[in-house]
């Protein structure tokens, strides 16, 4: 029986502070811990995922910049842009801050530039990995557009205490519709992940209820990610994840629960594909 191709997912919300990178890194790590072959694509020039997962960044010779640069006469092989991380089964396609300078050159080549990332990685990664997660910047930029043209699904983190992140969800969904009409008709909205939640706070409860009314309860993960000082600590420390820093913490437990819900959804999808 032939191996089914892997799923590509973009993790996006154009509002900042919603937990995109924590979600990308933590979900990728727990899927890898569970034995799945995972690639995390750091699509954000801020490069926080790269700093979290690569111990020695001096080893990076090729990265997202080299794959996206429209003026490059000779692009590196994709395999030379992928690096192992601090977790077995988890690789990363890293990024650097200089990639932010490619936004204008890529925009000039619109709409062909929408397919730059897809053309570079799609066939190889979907045949080699079970799951590919793309950590997107907090914008609706050409980088996010590239991720959506490449992806099978979009997962949207929402900060429980921020009503503004609800508008960020709306913006991503509108861009999704444009991408579906523009060349990736199979792109699907997976679910919203509620991040940084403190269920004791009325504002958090109100925002969750508002999200359910606007987008539907079925479009929100049952699993939620709590507020935790551990996430702030590992962000400051870098080169670590919640599972290597504090495997018994409530944040770690929450992402383990999320992974069960996530995998159940895709195992059902794989069976449906035959």
C-alpha atoms as a PDB file:
ATOM      1  CA  UNK A   1       0.000   0.000   0.000  1.00  0.00           C
ATOM      2  CA  UNK A   2       1.406   3.395  -0.993  1.00  0.00           C
ATOM      3  CA  UNK A   3       2.153   5.872   1.755  1.00  0.00           C
ATOM      4  CA  UNK A   4      -0.391   8.676   1.835  1.00  0.00           C
ATOM      5  CA  UNK A   5       1.055  12.126   1.352  1.00  0.00           C
ATOM      6  CA  UNK A   6       1.492  14.378   4.328  1.00  0.00           C
ATOM      7  CA  UNK A   7      -0.784  17.280   5.210  1.00  0.00           C
ATOM      8  CA  UNK A   8       0.421  20.888   5.053  1.00  0.00           C
ATOM      9  CA  UNK A   9      -1.083  23.358   7.496  1.00  0.00           C
ATOM     10  CA  UNK A  10      -0.616  27.106   7.880  1.00  0.00           C
ATOM     11  CA  UNK A  11      -0.872  28.556  11.383  1.00  0.00           C
ATOM     12  CA  UNK A  12      -1.967  32.148  10.957  1.00  0.00           C
ATOM     13  CA  UNK A  13      -3.650  35.155  12.539  1.00  0.00           C
ATOM     14  CA  UNK A  14      -2.731  38.630  11.366  1.00  0.00           C
ATOM     15  CA  UNK A  15      -3.029  40.005  14.897  1.00  0.00           C
ATOM     16  CA  UNK A  16       0.118  39.687  17.005  1.00  0.00           C
ATOM     17  CA  UNK A  17       0.319  37.974  20.390  1.00  0.00           C
ATOM     18  CA  UNK A  18      -2.112  35.180  19.585  1.00  0.00           C
ATOM     19  CA  UNK A  19       0.381  32.382  20.177  1.00  0.00           C
ATOM     20  CA  UNK A  20       1.186  31.388  16.586  1.00  0.00           C
ATOM     21  CA  UNK A  21       4.795  30.457  17.245  1.00  0.00           C
ATOM     22  CA  UNK A  22       4.109  28.714  20.568  1.00  0.00           C
ATOM     23  CA  UNK A  23       1.393  26.734  18.802  1.00  0.00           C
ATOM     24  CA  UNK A  24       3.590  25.933  15.804  1.00  0.00           C
ATOM     25  CA  UNK A  25       6.562  24.821  17.874  1.00  0.00           C
ATOM     26  CA  UNK A  26       4.628  22.982  20.577  1.00  0.00           C
ATOM     27  CA  UNK A  27       2.239  21.153  18.272  1.00  0.00           C
ATOM     28  CA  UNK A  28       5.092  20.162  15.951  1.00  0.00           C
ATOM     29  CA  UNK A  29       7.109  18.896  18.906  1.00  0.00           C
ATOM     30  CA  UNK A  30       4.358  16.770  20.443  1.00  0.00           C
ATOM     31  CA  UNK A  31       3.457  15.253  17.067  1.00  0.00           C
ATOM     32  CA  UNK A  32       7.119  14.309  16.658  1.00  0.00           C
ATOM     33  CA  UNK A  33       7.270  12.899  20.196  1.00  0.00           C
ATOM     34  CA  UNK A  34       4.301  10.735  19.244  1.00  0.00           C
ATOM     35  CA  UNK A  35       6.290   9.285  16.379  1.00  0.00           C
ATOM     36  CA  UNK A  36       5.047  11.379  13.465  1.00  0.00           C
ATOM     37  CA  UNK A  37       7.560  12.705  10.954  1.00  0.00           C
ATOM     38  CA  UNK A  38       7.123  16.476  11.104  1.00  0.00           C
ATOM     39  CA  UNK A  39       8.537  19.512   9.316  1.00  0.00           C
ATOM     40  CA  UNK A  40       8.077  23.000  10.740  1.00  0.00           C
ATOM     41  CA  UNK A  41       8.439  25.731   8.126  1.00  0.00           C
ATOM     42  CA  UNK A  42       9.444  29.024   9.735  1.00  0.00           C
ATOM     43  CA  UNK A  43       7.692  31.475   7.422  1.00  0.00           C
ATOM     44  CA  UNK A  44       8.086  34.441   9.774  1.00  0.00           C
ATOM     45  CA  UNK A  45      11.189  36.644   9.305  1.00  0.00           C
ATOM     46  CA  UNK A  46      11.185  37.205  13.075  1.00  0.00           C
ATOM     47  CA  UNK A  47      12.532  33.620  13.143  1.00  0.00           C
ATOM     48  CA  UNK A  48      11.274  32.716  16.629  1.00  0.00           C
ATOM     49  CA  UNK A  49      10.571  29.104  15.649  1.00  0.00           C
ATOM     50  CA  UNK A  50      14.107  28.790  14.318  1.00  0.00           C
ATOM     51  CA  UNK A  51      15.598  30.100  17.568  1.00  0.00           C
ATOM     52  CA  UNK A  52      13.448  27.719  19.608  1.00  0.00           C
ATOM     53  CA  UNK A  53      14.390  24.563  17.742  1.00  0.00           C
ATOM     54  CA  UNK A  54      17.969  24.881  16.488  1.00  0.00           C
ATOM     55  CA  UNK A  55      20.628  24.731  19.187  1.00  0.00           C
ATOM     56  CA  UNK A  56      23.478  26.110  17.093  1.00  0.00           C
ATOM     57  CA  UNK A  57      22.255  28.540  14.470  1.00  0.00           C
ATOM     58  CA  UNK A  58      25.721  28.899  12.996  1.00  0.00           C
ATOM     59  CA  UNK A  59      25.058  25.618  11.168  1.00  0.00           C
ATOM     60  CA  UNK A  60      22.380  27.291   9.000  1.00  0.00           C
ATOM     61  CA  UNK A  61      23.791  27.810   5.526  1.00  0.00           C
ATOM     62  CA  UNK A  62      20.564  27.834   3.508  1.00  0.00           C
ATOM     63  CA  UNK A  63      17.093  28.836   4.661  1.00  0.00           C
ATOM     64  CA  UNK A  64      13.726  30.313   3.689  1.00  0.00           C
ATOM     65  CA  UNK A  65      15.420  33.420   2.290  1.00  0.00           C
ATOM     66  CA  UNK A  66      17.271  31.355  -0.308  1.00  0.00           C
ATOM     67  CA  UNK A  67      14.096  29.545  -1.406  1.00  0.00           C
ATOM     68  CA  UNK A  68      11.975  32.694  -1.716  1.00  0.00           C
ATOM     69  CA  UNK A  69      14.497  35.129  -3.213  1.00  0.00           C
ATOM     70  CA  UNK A  70      13.040  35.936  -6.667  1.00  0.00           C
ATOM     71  CA  UNK A  71      16.364  37.335  -7.886  1.00  0.00           C
ATOM     72  CA  UNK A  72      18.383  34.240  -7.057  1.00  0.00           C
ATOM     73  CA  UNK A  73      19.788  32.664 -10.225  1.00  0.00           C
ATOM     74  CA  UNK A  74      20.469  29.318  -8.570  1.00  0.00           C
ATOM     75  CA  UNK A  75      18.333  28.183  -5.664  1.00  0.00           C
ATOM     76  CA  UNK A  76      19.720  25.567  -3.269  1.00  0.00           C
ATOM     77  CA  UNK A  77      18.312  22.060  -3.108  1.00  0.00           C
ATOM     78  CA  UNK A  78      15.427  21.918  -0.647  1.00  0.00           C
ATOM     79  CA  UNK A  79      17.168  19.160   1.313  1.00  0.00           C
ATOM     80  CA  UNK A  80      20.024  21.588   2.006  1.00  0.00           C
ATOM     81  CA  UNK A  81      17.561  24.021   3.623  1.00  0.00           C
ATOM     82  CA  UNK A  82      16.113  21.533   6.133  1.00  0.00           C
ATOM     83  CA  UNK A  83      17.774  20.910   9.489  1.00  0.00           C
ATOM     84  CA  UNK A  84      17.236  18.560  12.439  1.00  0.00           C
ATOM     85  CA  UNK A  85      16.001  20.079  15.699  1.00  0.00           C
ATOM     86  CA  UNK A  86      16.212  19.397  19.413  1.00  0.00           C
ATOM     87  CA  UNK A  87      13.443  16.772  18.990  1.00  0.00           C
ATOM     88  CA  UNK A  88      13.770  13.512  17.057  1.00  0.00           C
ATOM     89  CA  UNK A  89      11.366  13.237  14.092  1.00  0.00           C
ATOM     90  CA  UNK A  90      11.079  17.033  13.913  1.00  0.00           C
ATOM     91  CA  UNK A  91      12.920  18.997  11.225  1.00  0.00           C
ATOM     92  CA  UNK A  92      12.772  22.696  10.453  1.00  0.00           C
ATOM     93  CA  UNK A  93      13.083  24.892   7.403  1.00  0.00           C
ATOM     94  CA  UNK A  94      14.600  27.912   9.189  1.00  0.00           C
ATOM     95  CA  UNK A  95      14.304  31.625   8.521  1.00  0.00           C
ATOM     96  CA  UNK A  96      16.338  34.781   9.068  1.00  0.00           C
ATOM     97  CA  UNK A  97      15.346  38.403   9.618  1.00  0.00           C
ATOM     98  CA  UNK A  98      16.704  39.454   6.219  1.00  0.00           C
ATOM     99  CA  UNK A  99      13.804  37.612   4.584  1.00  0.00           C
ATOM    100  CA  UNK A 100      11.563  40.569   5.447  1.00  0.00           C
ATOM    101  CA  UNK A 101      13.379  42.470   2.694  1.00  0.00           C
ATOM    102  CA  UNK A 102      11.970  40.094   0.076  1.00  0.00           C
ATOM    103  CA  UNK A 103       8.388  41.307   0.527  1.00  0.00           C
ATOM    104  CA  UNK A 104       8.640  44.057  -2.086  1.00  0.00           C
ATOM    105  CA  UNK A 105      10.517  41.963  -4.703  1.00  0.00           C
ATOM    106  CA  UNK A 106       7.965  39.155  -4.288  1.00  0.00           C
ATOM    107  CA  UNK A 107       5.056  41.595  -4.475  1.00  0.00           C
ATOM    108  CA  UNK A 108       6.389  43.009  -7.744  1.00  0.00           C
ATOM    109  CA  UNK A 109       6.184  39.515  -9.239  1.00  0.00           C
ATOM    110  CA  UNK A 110       2.544  39.054  -8.130  1.00  0.00           C
ATOM    111  CA  UNK A 111       0.575  36.889  -8.848  1.00  0.00           C
ATOM    112  CA  UNK A 112       3.239  34.367  -9.890  1.00  0.00           C
ATOM    113  CA  UNK A 113       5.009  34.879  -6.565  1.00  0.00           C
ATOM    114  CA  UNK A 114       2.026  33.357  -4.712  1.00  0.00           C
ATOM    115  CA  UNK A 115       3.312  29.935  -5.740  1.00  0.00           C
ATOM    116  CA  UNK A 116       6.967  30.463  -4.810  1.00  0.00           C
ATOM    117  CA  UNK A 117       6.863  28.425  -1.601  1.00  0.00           C
ATOM    118  CA  UNK A 118       4.564  25.751  -3.024  1.00  0.00           C
ATOM    119  CA  UNK A 119       6.787  25.260  -6.065  1.00  0.00           C
ATOM    120  CA  UNK A 120       9.830  24.834  -3.857  1.00  0.00           C
ATOM    121  CA  UNK A 121       8.576  22.427  -1.201  1.00  0.00           C
ATOM    122  CA  UNK A 122       5.219  20.806  -1.966  1.00  0.00           C
ATOM    123  CA  UNK A 123       6.092  17.554  -3.724  1.00  0.00           C
ATOM    124  CA  UNK A 124       9.134  16.713  -1.618  1.00  0.00           C
ATOM    125  CA  UNK A 125       7.748  17.464   1.820  1.00  0.00           C
ATOM    126  CA  UNK A 126       4.356  15.864   1.320  1.00  0.00           C
ATOM    127  CA  UNK A 127       6.034  12.622   0.307  1.00  0.00           C
ATOM    128  CA  UNK A 128       8.538  12.653   3.156  1.00  0.00           C
ATOM    129  CA  UNK A 129       6.657  14.028   6.181  1.00  0.00           C
ATOM    130  CA  UNK A 130       3.378  13.148   7.869  1.00  0.00           C
ATOM    131  CA  UNK A 131       2.665  16.749   8.851  1.00  0.00           C
ATOM    132  CA  UNK A 132       4.110  20.051   7.686  1.00  0.00           C
ATOM    133  CA  UNK A 133       3.212  23.108   9.767  1.00  0.00           C
ATOM    134  CA  UNK A 134       3.937  26.631   8.529  1.00  0.00           C
ATOM    135  CA  UNK A 135       4.457  29.302  11.186  1.00  0.00           C
ATOM    136  CA  UNK A 136       3.200  32.545   9.593  1.00  0.00           C
ATOM    137  CA  UNK A 137       3.994  36.165  10.494  1.00  0.00           C
ATOM    138  CA  UNK A 138       1.310  38.381  12.142  1.00  0.00           C
ATOM    139  CA  UNK A 139       0.398  40.060   8.859  1.00  0.00           C
ATOM    140  CA  UNK A 140      -1.620  39.473   5.699  1.00  0.00           C
ATOM    141  CA  UNK A 141       1.553  39.775   3.633  1.00  0.00           C
ATOM    142  CA  UNK A 142       2.955  37.982   0.598  1.00  0.00           C
ATOM    143  CA  UNK A 143       4.545  35.509   3.027  1.00  0.00           C
ATOM    144  CA  UNK A 144       1.145  34.471   4.390  1.00  0.00           C
ATOM    145  CA  UNK A 145      -0.257  34.323   0.876  1.00  0.00           C
ATOM    146  CA  UNK A 146       2.605  31.963  -0.063  1.00  0.00           C
ATOM    147  CA  UNK A 147       1.744  29.736   2.904  1.00  0.00           C
ATOM    148  CA  UNK A 148      -1.955  29.574   1.997  1.00  0.00           C
ATOM    149  CA  UNK A 149      -1.256  28.691  -1.635  1.00  0.00           C
ATOM    150  CA  UNK A 150       0.908  25.866  -0.314  1.00  0.00           C
ATOM    151  CA  UNK A 151      -1.396  24.595   2.454  1.00  0.00           C
ATOM    152  CA  UNK A 152      -4.171  22.040   2.734  1.00  0.00           C
ATOM    153  CA  UNK A 153      -5.629  23.642   5.849  1.00  0.00           C
ATOM    154  CA  UNK A 154      -5.419  26.723   8.043  1.00  0.00           C
ATOM    155  CA  UNK A 155      -5.388  26.650  11.841  1.00  0.00           C
ATOM    156  CA  UNK A 156      -6.004  29.997  13.553  1.00  0.00           C
ATOM    157  CA  UNK A 157      -4.791  30.716  17.108  1.00  0.00           C
ATOM    158  CA  UNK A 158      -6.870  33.196  19.091  1.00  0.00           C
ATOM    159  CA  UNK A 159      -5.825  34.969  22.271  1.00  0.00           C
ATOM    160  CA  UNK A 160      -8.621  34.419  24.789  1.00  0.00           C
ATOM    161  CA  UNK A 161      -8.308  37.846  26.363  1.00  0.00           C
ATOM    162  CA  UNK A 162      -8.253  39.835  23.124  1.00  0.00           C
ATOM    163  CA  UNK A 163     -11.311  40.828  21.141  1.00  0.00           C
ATOM    164  CA  UNK A 164      -8.945  42.094  18.432  1.00  0.00           C
ATOM    165  CA  UNK A 165      -7.795  38.552  17.663  1.00  0.00           C
ATOM    166  CA  UNK A 166     -11.365  37.808  16.541  1.00  0.00           C
ATOM    167  CA  UNK A 167     -10.899  40.404  13.797  1.00  0.00           C
ATOM    168  CA  UNK A 168      -7.610  38.725  12.944  1.00  0.00           C
ATOM    169  CA  UNK A 169      -9.518  35.484  12.377  1.00  0.00           C
ATOM    170  CA  UNK A 170     -11.926  37.274  10.056  1.00  0.00           C
ATOM    171  CA  UNK A 171      -9.020  38.679   8.060  1.00  0.00           C
ATOM    172  CA  UNK A 172      -7.388  35.277   7.595  1.00  0.00           C
ATOM    173  CA  UNK A 173     -10.683  33.716   6.500  1.00  0.00           C
ATOM    174  CA  UNK A 174     -11.184  36.461   3.916  1.00  0.00           C
ATOM    175  CA  UNK A 175      -7.667  35.908   2.557  1.00  0.00           C
ATOM    176  CA  UNK A 176      -8.378  32.165   2.487  1.00  0.00           C
ATOM    177  CA  UNK A 177     -11.400  32.716   0.261  1.00  0.00           C
ATOM    178  CA  UNK A 178      -9.319  34.805  -2.105  1.00  0.00           C
ATOM    179  CA  UNK A 179      -6.663  32.077  -2.269  1.00  0.00           C
ATOM    180  CA  UNK A 180      -9.277  29.377  -2.878  1.00  0.00           C
ATOM    181  CA  UNK A 181     -10.655  31.337  -5.807  1.00  0.00           C
ATOM    182  CA  UNK A 182      -7.182  32.277  -7.019  1.00  0.00           C
ATOM    183  CA  UNK A 183      -5.636  28.834  -7.335  1.00  0.00           C
ATOM    184  CA  UNK A 184      -5.846  26.618  -4.243  1.00  0.00           C
ATOM    185  CA  UNK A 185      -9.492  25.482  -4.238  1.00  0.00           C
ATOM    186  CA  UNK A 186      -8.876  22.626  -1.790  1.00  0.00           C
ATOM    187  CA  UNK A 187      -7.709  24.900   1.033  1.00  0.00           C
ATOM    188  CA  UNK A 188      -9.773  24.293   4.169  1.00  0.00           C
ATOM    189  CA  UNK A 189     -10.355  26.136   7.434  1.00  0.00           C
ATOM    190  CA  UNK A 190      -9.466  23.604  10.130  1.00  0.00           C
ATOM    191  CA  UNK A 191     -10.284  25.159  13.499  1.00  0.00           C
ATOM    192  CA  UNK A 192      -9.584  27.990  15.908  1.00  0.00           C
ATOM    193  CA  UNK A 193      -7.317  27.282  18.867  1.00  0.00           C
ATOM    194  CA  UNK A 194      -8.051  29.318  21.998  1.00  0.00           C
ATOM    195  CA  UNK A 195      -4.714  30.390  23.508  1.00  0.00           C
ATOM    196  CA  UNK A 196      -3.646  32.082  26.734  1.00  0.00           C
ATOM    197  CA  UNK A 197      -6.927  31.310  28.458  1.00  0.00           C
ATOM    198  CA  UNK A 198      -7.811  31.897  32.087  1.00  0.00           C
ATOM    199  CA  UNK A 199     -11.321  30.539  32.521  1.00  0.00           C
ATOM    200  CA  UNK A 200     -11.735  32.497  35.760  1.00  0.00           C
ATOM    201  CA  UNK A 201     -11.813  35.772  33.823  1.00  0.00           C
ATOM    202  CA  UNK A 202     -15.141  36.959  32.488  1.00  0.00           C
ATOM    203  CA  UNK A 203     -13.541  38.691  29.489  1.00  0.00           C
ATOM    204  CA  UNK A 204     -11.994  35.398  28.384  1.00  0.00           C
ATOM    205  CA  UNK A 205     -15.342  33.608  28.704  1.00  0.00           C
ATOM    206  CA  UNK A 206     -17.065  36.374  26.765  1.00  0.00           C
ATOM    207  CA  UNK A 207     -14.536  36.275  23.922  1.00  0.00           C
ATOM    208  CA  UNK A 208     -14.849  32.485  23.683  1.00  0.00           C
ATOM    209  CA  UNK A 209     -18.631  32.753  23.516  1.00  0.00           C
ATOM    210  CA  UNK A 210     -18.329  35.445  20.856  1.00  0.00           C
ATOM    211  CA  UNK A 211     -16.025  33.219  18.797  1.00  0.00           C
ATOM    212  CA  UNK A 212     -18.537  30.374  18.996  1.00  0.00           C
ATOM    213  CA  UNK A 213     -21.356  32.661  17.835  1.00  0.00           C
ATOM    214  CA  UNK A 214     -19.376  34.093  14.939  1.00  0.00           C
ATOM    215  CA  UNK A 215     -17.589  31.023  13.625  1.00  0.00           C
ATOM    216  CA  UNK A 216     -19.489  28.044  15.045  1.00  0.00           C
ATOM    217  CA  UNK A 217     -18.638  25.807  17.992  1.00  0.00           C
ATOM    218  CA  UNK A 218     -17.631  23.018  15.619  1.00  0.00           C
ATOM    219  CA  UNK A 219     -14.877  25.262  14.255  1.00  0.00           C
ATOM    220  CA  UNK A 220     -13.167  25.664  17.636  1.00  0.00           C
ATOM    221  CA  UNK A 221     -10.904  23.038  19.171  1.00  0.00           C
ATOM    222  CA  UNK A 222     -12.269  21.570  22.385  1.00  0.00           C
ATOM    223  CA  UNK A 223      -8.697  21.680  23.701  1.00  0.00           C
ATOM    224  CA  UNK A 224      -7.535  25.077  24.933  1.00  0.00           C
ATOM    225  CA  UNK A 225      -4.092  26.353  25.922  1.00  0.00           C
ATOM    226  CA  UNK A 226      -3.860  28.026  29.343  1.00  0.00           C
ATOM    227  CA  UNK A 227      -1.880  31.053  30.364  1.00  0.00           C
ATOM    228  CA  UNK A 228       1.427  29.837  31.761  1.00  0.00           C
ATOM    229  CA  UNK A 229       4.642  31.498  32.892  1.00  0.00           C
ATOM    230  CA  UNK A 230       6.451  28.468  31.439  1.00  0.00           C
ATOM    231  CA  UNK A 231       5.744  29.699  27.910  1.00  0.00           C
ATOM    232  CA  UNK A 232       7.221  33.101  28.760  1.00  0.00           C
ATOM    233  CA  UNK A 233      10.275  31.416  30.269  1.00  0.00           C
ATOM    234  CA  UNK A 234      11.010  29.206  27.271  1.00  0.00           C
ATOM    235  CA  UNK A 235      10.504  32.163  24.946  1.00  0.00           C
ATOM    236  CA  UNK A 236      13.199  34.024  26.885  1.00  0.00           C
ATOM    237  CA  UNK A 237      15.485  30.986  27.111  1.00  0.00           C
ATOM    238  CA  UNK A 238      15.023  29.914  23.486  1.00  0.00           C
ATOM    239  CA  UNK A 239      16.469  26.656  22.164  1.00  0.00           C
ATOM    240  CA  UNK A 240      13.848  24.671  24.060  1.00  0.00           C
ATOM    241  CA  UNK A 241      10.180  23.646  24.014  1.00  0.00           C
ATOM    242  CA  UNK A 242       7.582  23.132  26.723  1.00  0.00           C
ATOM    243  CA  UNK A 243       8.198  19.364  26.513  1.00  0.00           C
ATOM    244  CA  UNK A 244      11.933  19.567  27.117  1.00  0.00           C
ATOM    245  CA  UNK A 245      11.703  22.386  29.675  1.00  0.00           C
ATOM    246  CA  UNK A 246       8.649  21.368  31.717  1.00  0.00           C
ATOM    247  CA  UNK A 247       7.061  18.119  30.459  1.00  0.00           C
ATOM    248  CA  UNK A 248       4.633  17.892  33.392  1.00  0.00           C
ATOM    249  CA  UNK A 249       3.379  21.481  33.231  1.00  0.00           C
ATOM    250  CA  UNK A 250      -0.196  22.455  32.450  1.00  0.00           C
ATOM    251  CA  UNK A 251       0.960  23.886  29.128  1.00  0.00           C
ATOM    252  CA  UNK A 252       2.539  20.575  28.175  1.00  0.00           C
ATOM    253  CA  UNK A 253      -0.585  18.666  29.201  1.00  0.00           C
ATOM    254  CA  UNK A 254      -2.748  21.049  27.156  1.00  0.00           C
ATOM    255  CA  UNK A 255      -0.733  20.519  23.978  1.00  0.00           C
ATOM    256  CA  UNK A 256      -0.802  16.761  24.499  1.00  0.00           C
ATOM    257  CA  UNK A 257      -4.611  16.955  24.613  1.00  0.00           C
ATOM    258  CA  UNK A 258      -4.627  19.148  21.519  1.00  0.00           C
ATOM    259  CA  UNK A 259      -2.473  16.623  19.650  1.00  0.00           C
ATOM    260  CA  UNK A 260      -5.006  13.859  20.358  1.00  0.00           C
ATOM    261  CA  UNK A 261      -7.812  15.990  18.925  1.00  0.00           C
ATOM    262  CA  UNK A 262      -5.651  17.080  15.984  1.00  0.00           C
ATOM    263  CA  UNK A 263      -4.542  13.550  15.073  1.00  0.00           C
ATOM    264  CA  UNK A 264      -8.058  12.166  15.372  1.00  0.00           C
ATOM    265  CA  UNK A 265      -9.255  14.706  12.807  1.00  0.00           C
ATOM    266  CA  UNK A 266      -6.546  13.799  10.304  1.00  0.00           C
ATOM    267  CA  UNK A 267      -6.687  10.070  10.816  1.00  0.00           C
ATOM    268  CA  UNK A 268     -10.368  10.336   9.878  1.00  0.00           C
ATOM    269  CA  UNK A 269      -9.424  12.424   6.825  1.00  0.00           C
ATOM    270  CA  UNK A 270      -6.819   9.860   5.734  1.00  0.00           C
ATOM    271  CA  UNK A 271      -9.347   7.031   5.975  1.00  0.00           C
ATOM    272  CA  UNK A 272     -11.764   9.054   3.885  1.00  0.00           C
ATOM    273  CA  UNK A 273      -9.068   9.503   1.224  1.00  0.00           C
ATOM    274  CA  UNK A 274      -8.767   5.720   1.095  1.00  0.00           C
END
